[in-house]
Amino acid sequence: MSGRAQLMWDEAVTGYDFGPGHPMDPVRLALTMRLVEAFGVDKAMRVVAAKPAGESTLRLVHRQDYIEAVRAASADPRAADPAYGLGTPDDPAFAGMHDAAALIAGQSVAAAEAVWRDETRHAVNFAGGLHHAMPGAAAGFCVYNDAALAVARLLELGAERVAYVDVDVHHGDGVQAAFWEDPRVLTISLHEHPRTLFPQTGWPQETGAPEAEGSAVNVALPAGTGDAGWLRAFHAVVPELLAAFRPQVLVTQHGADTHFEDPLAHLTVSLDAQRLVAESCHALAHEHADGRWVALGGGGYAVVDVVPRSWTHLCAIAAGRPVEPGTDVPDDWRHEVYRRTRQWGPSRMTDGLRPEWRDFATSGYDPADRLDQAVLATRRAVFPAHGLLP
């Protein structure tokens, strides 16, 4: 087994481009890779460009008719069928869409394969995490659900227990749907409350099919939740469930759109808290999954100020070369940002905060606190199914 972490990267993933004005600007991917390179993190990892996911792989999650619809819209965007979620404002059709989406999916599937086969302990695909795509439809900027495909490939290879933890501001609905009836997969999503944000799912009462009761876990956070509440909720739910479930592999999704600068949502989390959660996921993989960790990107629409820094921290943690938060951002990278976007990038790898939180188990439950109400609703809904006290 290689001691080096694996970074999945092919410059062609930036071809996943919904066009001018769309929030998911692929510059966020290019700028992240350039920042990873500026810090030399890529030198501490094995950089691998995998092949696009083939049709048999895509069919692990997606219906054949949907794949054909994506191919048709990819060849002629005017042929996009809104019945498949294509050609909509969220998912405009573009030439080459199938190839670009399949390439991103291929990176996540290859990451899962490398981790399962002990070719590496940690593998990162920050271009992935497209967690809204459904078996038969595009949704929420997501064409193929690479996260679900990575999990499905692990099951195909023989994994008996896979845990998926999603800290994107939006509910990981597509991954939950893919494994709703499968007790081999534990999906945990921490997200802004469905009352105030797309996709209006992810209620604590969504706990899996009867034959997989407790396999879906949803923490619906009140709008405005910041570092202290976000970290409190994560640590009140995730570690205990992973300890009970005993996954063989941990797959995590690190959408950066929880950040207070993100234009599409309403949480107020800092870059520093996002970094702490990435560190926690790394530690939990070692504690409960023999170090097997597949880390994906996801949402994030502050494409200059937030996404590149957040995912560079993620890569550096996976590589065993964490970047200290107070570190200055290399000037060469900031000039590259200006060249591409005509704005200056951030100057340090921190928001200047030192997040702290109160432990749920030791500090007690506050019945008047909306965050605590959300945490307790989740624990009551799913903890008993795992033999845990709520």
Protein backbone atom coordinates (compact mmCIF):
# COMPACT_ATOMS: atom_id res chain seq x y z
CA MET A 1 0.00 0.00 0.00
CA SER A 2 1.35 3.39 -0.95
CA GLY A 3 1.85 5.72 1.98
CA ARG A 4 1.03 8.72 -0.19
CA ALA A 5 -2.45 10.11 -0.45
CA GLN A 6 -3.96 10.25 -3.92
CA LEU A 7 -5.28 13.42 -5.57
CA MET A 8 -7.60 12.88 -8.50
CA TRP A 9 -7.12 15.61 -11.08
CA ASP A 10 -7.55 16.10 -14.79
CA GLU A 11 -7.64 19.68 -16.07
CA ALA A 12 -10.52 18.62 -18.33
CA VAL A 13 -12.89 18.53 -15.33
CA THR A 14 -13.10 22.31 -15.77
CA GLY A 15 -15.12 21.50 -18.89
CA TYR A 16 -18.07 20.89 -16.55
CA ASP A 17 -19.32 24.38 -17.34
CA PHE A 18 -22.95 25.49 -17.34
CA GLY A 19 -22.04 28.80 -18.97
CA PRO A 20 -21.55 32.47 -18.09
CA GLY A 21 -23.44 33.67 -15.05
CA HIS A 22 -24.07 30.21 -13.61
CA PRO A 23 -23.06 30.00 -9.93
CA MET A 24 -20.98 26.83 -10.45
CA ASP A 25 -18.10 28.54 -12.20
CA PRO A 26 -15.41 25.96 -13.03
CA VAL A 27 -12.75 28.56 -12.21
CA ARG A 28 -13.18 27.39 -8.62
CA LEU A 29 -11.67 24.02 -9.59
CA ALA A 30 -8.75 25.51 -11.51
CA LEU A 31 -7.99 28.00 -8.73
CA THR A 32 -8.09 25.24 -6.12
CA MET A 33 -5.58 23.14 -8.05
CA ARG A 34 -3.32 26.13 -8.57
CA LEU A 35 -3.39 26.85 -4.81
CA VAL A 36 -2.67 23.20 -4.03
CA GLU A 37 0.33 23.49 -6.35
CA ALA A 38 1.40 26.85 -4.89
CA PHE A 39 1.75 25.22 -1.48
CA GLY A 40 3.46 22.12 -2.92
CA VAL A 41 0.73 19.89 -1.54
CA ASP A 42 0.54 18.04 -4.86
CA LYS A 43 4.18 16.98 -4.39
CA ALA A 44 3.17 15.17 -1.20
CA MET A 45 0.41 13.29 -3.04
CA ARG A 46 0.17 11.00 -6.03
CA VAL A 47 -1.73 12.98 -8.68
CA VAL A 48 -3.83 10.66 -10.84
CA ALA A 49 -6.10 11.36 -13.82
CA ALA A 50 -8.63 8.55 -14.10
CA LYS A 51 -10.72 7.60 -17.11
CA PRO A 52 -14.32 8.80 -17.41
CA ALA A 53 -16.90 6.50 -15.86
CA GLY A 54 -18.19 4.11 -18.51
CA GLU A 55 -21.82 3.25 -19.07
CA SER A 56 -21.77 0.09 -16.93
CA THR A 57 -20.37 2.12 -14.04
CA LEU A 58 -22.90 4.92 -14.47
CA ARG A 59 -25.66 2.30 -14.40
CA LEU A 60 -24.68 1.37 -10.83
CA VAL A 61 -26.79 4.41 -9.88
CA HIS A 62 -28.35 5.94 -13.00
CA ARG A 63 -31.07 4.61 -15.30
CA GLN A 64 -30.20 3.77 -18.89
CA ASP A 65 -32.84 6.13 -20.29
CA TYR A 66 -31.39 9.00 -18.27
CA ILE A 67 -27.84 8.32 -19.48
CA GLU A 68 -29.16 8.33 -23.05
CA ALA A 69 -30.94 11.65 -22.39
CA VAL A 70 -27.68 13.17 -21.11
CA ARG A 71 -25.83 11.89 -24.18
CA ALA A 72 -28.49 13.40 -26.46
CA ALA A 73 -28.36 16.80 -24.71
CA SER A 74 -24.58 16.66 -24.76
CA ALA A 75 -24.56 16.15 -28.54
CA ASP A 76 -27.21 18.82 -29.13
CA PRO A 77 -28.10 21.05 -26.14
CA ARG A 78 -31.31 22.06 -27.92
CA ALA A 79 -32.48 18.45 -27.48
CA ALA A 80 -32.31 18.67 -23.68
CA ASP A 81 -35.39 17.19 -22.04
CA PRO A 82 -36.58 19.03 -18.92
CA ALA A 83 -38.36 15.84 -17.84
CA TYR A 84 -34.86 14.58 -17.02
CA GLY A 85 -33.87 17.82 -15.27
CA LEU A 86 -31.83 18.88 -18.30
CA GLY A 87 -32.04 22.27 -19.99
CA THR A 88 -33.32 23.90 -16.79
CA PRO A 89 -31.95 27.06 -15.11
CA ASP A 90 -30.12 24.90 -12.56
CA ASP A 91 -28.79 22.41 -15.10
CA PRO A 92 -28.52 24.05 -18.52
CA ALA A 93 -27.44 21.65 -21.24
CA PHE A 94 -24.04 22.25 -22.81
CA ALA A 95 -22.01 20.55 -25.51
CA GLY A 96 -19.84 17.80 -24.04
CA MET A 97 -21.87 17.62 -20.84
CA HIS A 98 -21.88 13.82 -20.72
CA ASP A 99 -18.12 13.58 -21.14
CA ALA A 100 -17.37 16.22 -18.50
CA ALA A 101 -19.79 14.74 -15.96
CA ALA A 102 -18.57 11.19 -16.63
CA LEU A 103 -14.97 12.36 -16.17
CA ILE A 104 -15.74 13.80 -12.73
CA ALA A 105 -17.58 10.58 -11.83
CA GLY A 106 -14.62 8.56 -13.03
CA GLN A 107 -12.30 10.38 -10.65
CA SER A 108 -14.50 9.60 -7.63
CA VAL A 109 -14.96 5.95 -8.62
CA ALA A 110 -11.20 5.54 -9.14
CA ALA A 111 -10.58 7.18 -5.76
CA ALA A 112 -12.87 4.63 -4.12
CA GLU A 113 -11.18 1.76 -5.95
CA ALA A 114 -7.69 2.91 -4.90
CA VAL A 115 -8.70 3.18 -1.25
CA TRP A 116 -10.50 -0.18 -1.21
CA ARG A 117 -7.58 -1.96 -2.89
CA ASP A 118 -5.12 -0.46 -0.38
CA GLU A 119 -3.26 1.42 -3.10
CA THR A 120 -3.62 4.45 -0.83
CA ARG A 121 -5.28 5.25 2.49
CA HIS A 122 -6.72 8.63 1.45
CA ALA A 123 -7.98 9.84 -1.94
CA VAL A 124 -9.40 13.27 -2.74
CA ASN A 125 -11.53 14.42 -5.69
CA PHE A 126 -12.51 18.01 -4.97
CA ALA A 127 -14.17 18.24 -8.41
CA GLY A 128 -16.68 15.65 -7.16
CA GLY A 129 -19.39 15.65 -4.54
CA LEU A 130 -22.22 16.25 -7.04
CA HIS A 131 -24.73 14.84 -4.59
CA HIS A 132 -28.09 16.02 -5.96
CA ALA A 133 -28.25 13.98 -9.18
CA MET A 134 -30.95 11.32 -9.01
CA PRO A 135 -31.06 7.93 -10.74
CA GLY A 136 -33.23 9.38 -13.50
CA ALA A 137 -32.69 13.15 -13.41
CA ALA A 138 -30.20 15.96 -13.08
CA ALA A 139 -30.77 18.33 -10.17
CA GLY A 140 -29.07 21.14 -8.32
CA PHE A 141 -26.12 21.64 -10.72
CA CYS A 142 -25.44 17.87 -10.67
CA VAL A 143 -25.64 15.62 -13.76
CA TYR A 144 -24.09 12.35 -12.56
CA ASN A 145 -23.91 11.55 -8.86
CA ASP A 146 -20.23 10.73 -8.47
CA ALA A 147 -20.55 10.41 -4.68
CA ALA A 148 -23.23 7.73 -4.97
CA LEU A 149 -21.28 6.03 -7.76
CA ALA A 150 -18.17 5.85 -5.55
CA VAL A 151 -20.19 4.23 -2.77
CA ALA A 152 -21.89 1.84 -5.20
CA ARG A 153 -18.51 0.81 -6.58
CA LEU A 154 -17.25 0.06 -3.06
CA LEU A 155 -20.26 -2.20 -2.53
CA GLU A 156 -19.62 -3.89 -5.88
CA LEU A 157 -16.03 -4.56 -4.80
CA GLY A 158 -17.23 -6.27 -1.63
CA ALA A 159 -17.54 -3.60 1.03
CA GLU A 160 -20.17 -4.56 3.61
CA ARG A 161 -20.42 -1.22 5.44
CA VAL A 162 -19.78 2.20 3.90
CA ALA A 163 -20.43 5.47 5.72
CA TYR A 164 -21.10 8.69 3.80
CA VAL A 165 -20.88 12.00 5.67
CA ASP A 166 -22.04 15.14 3.85
CA VAL A 167 -21.38 18.61 5.32
CA ASP A 168 -22.50 20.64 2.28
CA VAL A 169 -25.03 23.34 3.16
CA HIS A 170 -27.58 21.49 0.99
CA HIS A 171 -29.07 18.10 1.84
CA GLY A 172 -27.29 15.16 0.21
CA ASP A 173 -30.58 14.00 -1.24
CA GLY A 174 -29.31 12.07 -4.26
CA VAL A 175 -26.96 9.89 -2.22
CA GLN A 176 -29.65 9.28 0.38
CA ALA A 177 -32.10 8.27 -2.35
CA ALA A 178 -29.61 5.89 -3.98
CA PHE A 179 -29.17 3.89 -0.76
CA TRP A 180 -32.51 4.44 0.97
CA GLU A 181 -33.20 0.71 1.08
CA ASP A 182 -29.63 -0.48 1.65
CA PRO A 183 -28.54 -1.15 5.26
CA ARG A 184 -24.93 -1.49 4.11
CA VAL A 185 -24.71 2.28 3.62
CA LEU A 186 -25.03 4.89 6.37
CA THR A 187 -25.70 8.37 4.95
CA ILE A 188 -25.31 11.33 7.31
CA SER A 189 -26.11 14.84 6.08
CA LEU A 190 -25.72 18.08 8.02
CA HIS A 191 -27.40 20.89 6.12
CA GLU A 192 -29.46 24.05 6.34
CA HIS A 193 -33.07 23.36 7.29
CA PRO A 194 -35.28 22.33 4.35
CA ARG A 195 -37.75 25.10 5.21
CA THR A 196 -35.24 27.68 4.03
CA LEU A 197 -33.12 25.98 1.36
CA PHE A 198 -33.11 23.72 -1.70
CA PRO A 199 -33.88 20.84 -2.06
CA GLN A 200 -36.47 21.11 0.74
CA THR A 201 -35.61 17.58 1.96
CA GLY A 202 -33.46 16.24 4.76
CA TRP A 203 -35.87 16.27 7.68
CA PRO A 204 -34.79 14.29 10.76
CA GLN A 205 -37.73 11.94 10.20
CA GLU A 206 -36.14 10.73 6.94
CA THR A 207 -34.38 7.66 8.38
CA GLY A 208 -34.33 5.04 5.61
CA ALA A 209 -36.68 2.35 4.35
CA PRO A 210 -38.13 -0.15 6.88
CA GLU A 211 -35.52 -2.73 5.89
CA ALA A 212 -32.76 -0.13 6.44
CA GLU A 213 -34.15 1.80 9.39
CA GLY A 214 -31.63 4.30 10.77
CA SER A 215 -29.41 4.18 7.70
CA ALA A 216 -30.33 7.74 6.68
CA VAL A 217 -29.41 10.48 9.15
CA ASN A 218 -30.34 14.13 8.71
CA VAL A 219 -29.39 17.11 10.84
CA ALA A 220 -31.47 20.11 9.73
CA LEU A 221 -29.66 23.21 10.99
CA PRO A 222 -31.42 26.54 11.55
CA ALA A 223 -30.54 29.31 9.10
CA GLY A 224 -27.84 31.48 10.60
CA THR A 225 -26.03 28.63 12.33
CA GLY A 226 -22.36 29.54 12.76
CA ASP A 227 -19.18 27.81 13.84
CA ALA A 228 -20.14 26.93 17.41
CA GLY A 229 -23.48 25.39 16.46
CA TRP A 230 -22.21 23.65 13.32
CA LEU A 231 -19.32 22.01 15.16
CA ARG A 232 -21.55 21.14 18.12
CA ALA A 233 -24.02 19.40 15.80
CA PHE A 234 -21.31 17.50 13.90
CA HIS A 235 -19.72 16.17 17.06
CA ALA A 236 -23.09 15.40 18.67
CA VAL A 237 -24.10 13.07 15.83
CA VAL A 238 -21.29 11.82 13.59
CA PRO A 239 -18.69 10.20 15.90
CA GLU A 240 -21.17 8.08 17.89
CA LEU A 241 -22.91 6.80 14.77
CA LEU A 242 -19.65 5.91 13.06
CA ALA A 243 -18.47 4.08 16.18
CA ALA A 244 -21.69 2.04 16.20
CA PHE A 245 -21.78 1.40 12.45
CA ARG A 246 -18.08 0.44 12.09
CA PRO A 247 -17.64 1.40 8.42
CA GLN A 248 -14.93 -0.21 6.34
CA VAL A 249 -14.61 3.00 4.30
CA LEU A 250 -15.53 6.60 5.06
CA VAL A 251 -16.67 8.77 2.13
CA THR A 252 -17.07 12.46 2.94
CA GLN A 253 -18.45 15.40 0.98
CA HIS A 254 -17.04 18.86 1.82
CA GLY A 255 -19.22 21.42 0.09
CA ALA A 256 -17.80 24.84 1.01
CA ASP A 257 -21.17 26.60 0.74
CA THR A 258 -21.73 26.58 4.51
CA HIS A 259 -19.44 29.64 4.56
CA PHE A 260 -20.76 33.03 5.63
CA GLU A 261 -19.71 34.53 2.28
CA ASP A 262 -21.53 31.98 0.16
CA PRO A 263 -24.21 33.72 -1.93
CA LEU A 264 -26.67 30.81 -2.18
CA ALA A 265 -27.34 29.82 1.44
CA HIS A 266 -27.76 31.10 4.96
CA LEU A 267 -25.30 29.41 7.33
CA THR A 268 -22.47 31.51 8.79
CA VAL A 269 -19.62 29.01 9.08
CA SER A 270 -15.99 30.08 8.74
CA LEU A 271 -13.17 28.59 6.71
CA ASP A 272 -11.53 27.73 10.02
CA ALA A 273 -14.48 25.59 11.12
CA GLN A 274 -14.56 23.88 7.71
CA ARG A 275 -10.89 23.01 8.22
CA LEU A 276 -11.64 21.58 11.68
CA VAL A 277 -14.35 19.33 10.25
CA ALA A 278 -11.98 18.08 7.56
CA GLU A 279 -9.48 17.25 10.31
CA SER A 280 -12.22 15.46 12.25
CA CYS A 281 -13.21 13.39 9.20
CA HIS A 282 -9.58 12.41 8.75
CA ALA A 283 -9.33 11.35 12.38
CA LEU A 284 -12.65 9.47 12.25
CA ALA A 285 -11.50 7.54 9.18
CA HIS A 286 -8.47 6.35 11.11
CA GLU A 287 -10.50 5.62 14.23
CA HIS A 288 -13.34 3.69 12.61
CA ALA A 289 -12.39 2.73 9.01
CA ASP A 290 -8.73 1.69 9.22
CA GLY A 291 -7.82 5.03 7.64
CA ARG A 292 -9.77 4.38 4.43
CA TRP A 293 -11.00 7.82 3.43
CA VAL A 294 -12.46 9.15 0.17
CA ALA A 295 -12.93 12.93 0.34
CA LEU A 296 -14.98 14.86 -2.22
CA GLY A 297 -15.75 18.52 -2.90
CA GLY A 298 -19.30 19.68 -3.56
CA GLY A 299 -21.03 23.04 -3.51
CA GLY A 300 -19.33 26.36 -2.93
CA TYR A 301 -20.09 29.56 -4.83
CA ALA A 302 -17.70 32.07 -3.27
CA VAL A 303 -15.41 30.78 -5.99
CA VAL A 304 -12.36 32.95 -5.24
CA ASP A 305 -12.40 33.78 -1.54
CA VAL A 306 -13.59 30.49 -0.05
CA VAL A 307 -13.57 27.39 -2.23
CA PRO A 308 -9.86 27.23 -3.16
CA ARG A 309 -8.71 27.74 0.42
CA SER A 310 -11.21 25.30 1.91
CA TRP A 311 -10.33 22.48 -0.48
CA THR A 312 -6.60 23.17 -0.33
CA HIS A 313 -6.86 22.64 3.43
CA LEU A 314 -8.74 19.39 2.71
CA CYS A 315 -6.03 18.15 0.33
CA ALA A 316 -3.25 19.16 2.72
CA ILE A 317 -4.89 17.30 5.60
CA ALA A 318 -5.28 14.18 3.46
CA ALA A 319 -1.64 14.48 2.37
CA GLY A 320 -0.41 14.69 5.96
CA ARG A 321 0.93 18.19 5.21
CA PRO A 322 -1.65 20.47 6.87
CA VAL A 323 -1.36 24.18 6.15
CA GLU A 324 -1.38 26.35 9.25
CA PRO A 325 -4.40 28.67 9.13
CA GLY A 326 -2.36 31.84 9.61
CA THR A 327 -0.15 31.09 6.61
CA ASP A 328 0.05 33.79 3.93
CA VAL A 329 -1.38 32.85 0.56
CA PRO A 330 1.42 32.78 -2.07
CA ASP A 331 1.59 35.98 -4.13
CA ASP A 332 1.89 34.01 -7.37
CA TRP A 333 -1.51 32.48 -6.74
CA ARG A 334 -3.10 35.84 -5.97
CA HIS A 335 -1.75 37.19 -9.27
CA GLU A 336 -3.22 34.14 -11.04
CA VAL A 337 -6.57 34.88 -9.41
CA TYR A 338 -6.41 38.46 -10.66
CA ARG A 339 -5.45 37.36 -14.15
CA ARG A 340 -8.46 35.04 -14.34
CA THR A 341 -11.10 37.00 -12.44
CA ARG A 342 -9.93 40.63 -12.17
CA GLN A 343 -10.22 40.45 -8.39
CA TRP A 344 -7.58 39.87 -5.75
CA GLY A 345 -7.71 36.64 -3.81
CA PRO A 346 -7.56 36.38 -0.02
CA SER A 347 -4.22 37.02 1.65
CA ARG A 348 -4.21 34.33 4.34
CA MET A 349 -5.42 30.74 4.75
CA THR A 350 -7.76 31.71 7.58
CA ASP A 351 -10.76 33.87 8.33
CA GLY A 352 -8.93 34.84 11.52
CA LEU A 353 -11.24 32.85 13.80
CA ARG A 354 -10.56 30.19 16.43
CA PRO A 355 -13.83 28.23 16.50
CA GLU A 356 -14.93 26.65 19.75
CA TRP A 357 -18.01 24.61 20.61
CA ARG A 358 -19.67 23.04 23.62
CA ASP A 359 -19.83 19.26 23.66
CA PHE A 360 -23.43 18.06 23.53
CA ALA A 361 -22.86 15.09 25.85
CA THR A 362 -21.16 17.05 28.63
CA SER A 363 -22.75 20.52 28.41
CA GLY A 364 -26.35 19.35 28.45
CA TYR A 365 -29.35 20.01 26.22
CA ASP A 366 -30.87 23.49 26.14
CA PRO A 367 -34.58 23.06 25.25
CA ALA A 368 -34.84 26.73 24.24
CA ASP A 369 -31.96 26.54 21.76
CA ARG A 370 -32.98 25.85 18.14
CA LEU A 371 -29.67 24.20 17.37
CA ASP A 372 -30.04 21.82 20.28
CA GLN A 373 -33.61 21.09 19.22
CA ALA A 374 -32.31 20.10 15.77
CA VAL A 375 -29.62 17.85 17.23
CA LEU A 376 -32.01 16.14 19.61
CA ALA A 377 -34.57 15.59 16.83
CA THR A 378 -31.93 13.72 14.83
CA ARG A 379 -30.66 11.70 17.78
CA ARG A 380 -34.21 10.68 18.75
CA ALA A 381 -35.00 9.68 15.16
CA VAL A 382 -32.00 7.43 14.50
CA PHE A 383 -29.87 6.69 17.55
CA PRO A 384 -32.15 3.92 18.93
CA ALA A 385 -31.86 2.03 15.61
CA HIS A 386 -28.12 1.83 16.28
CA GLY A 387 -28.48 0.80 19.91
CA LEU A 388 -27.61 4.30 21.12
CA LEU A 389 -29.34 6.51 23.65
CA PRO A 390 -30.72 9.74 22.16
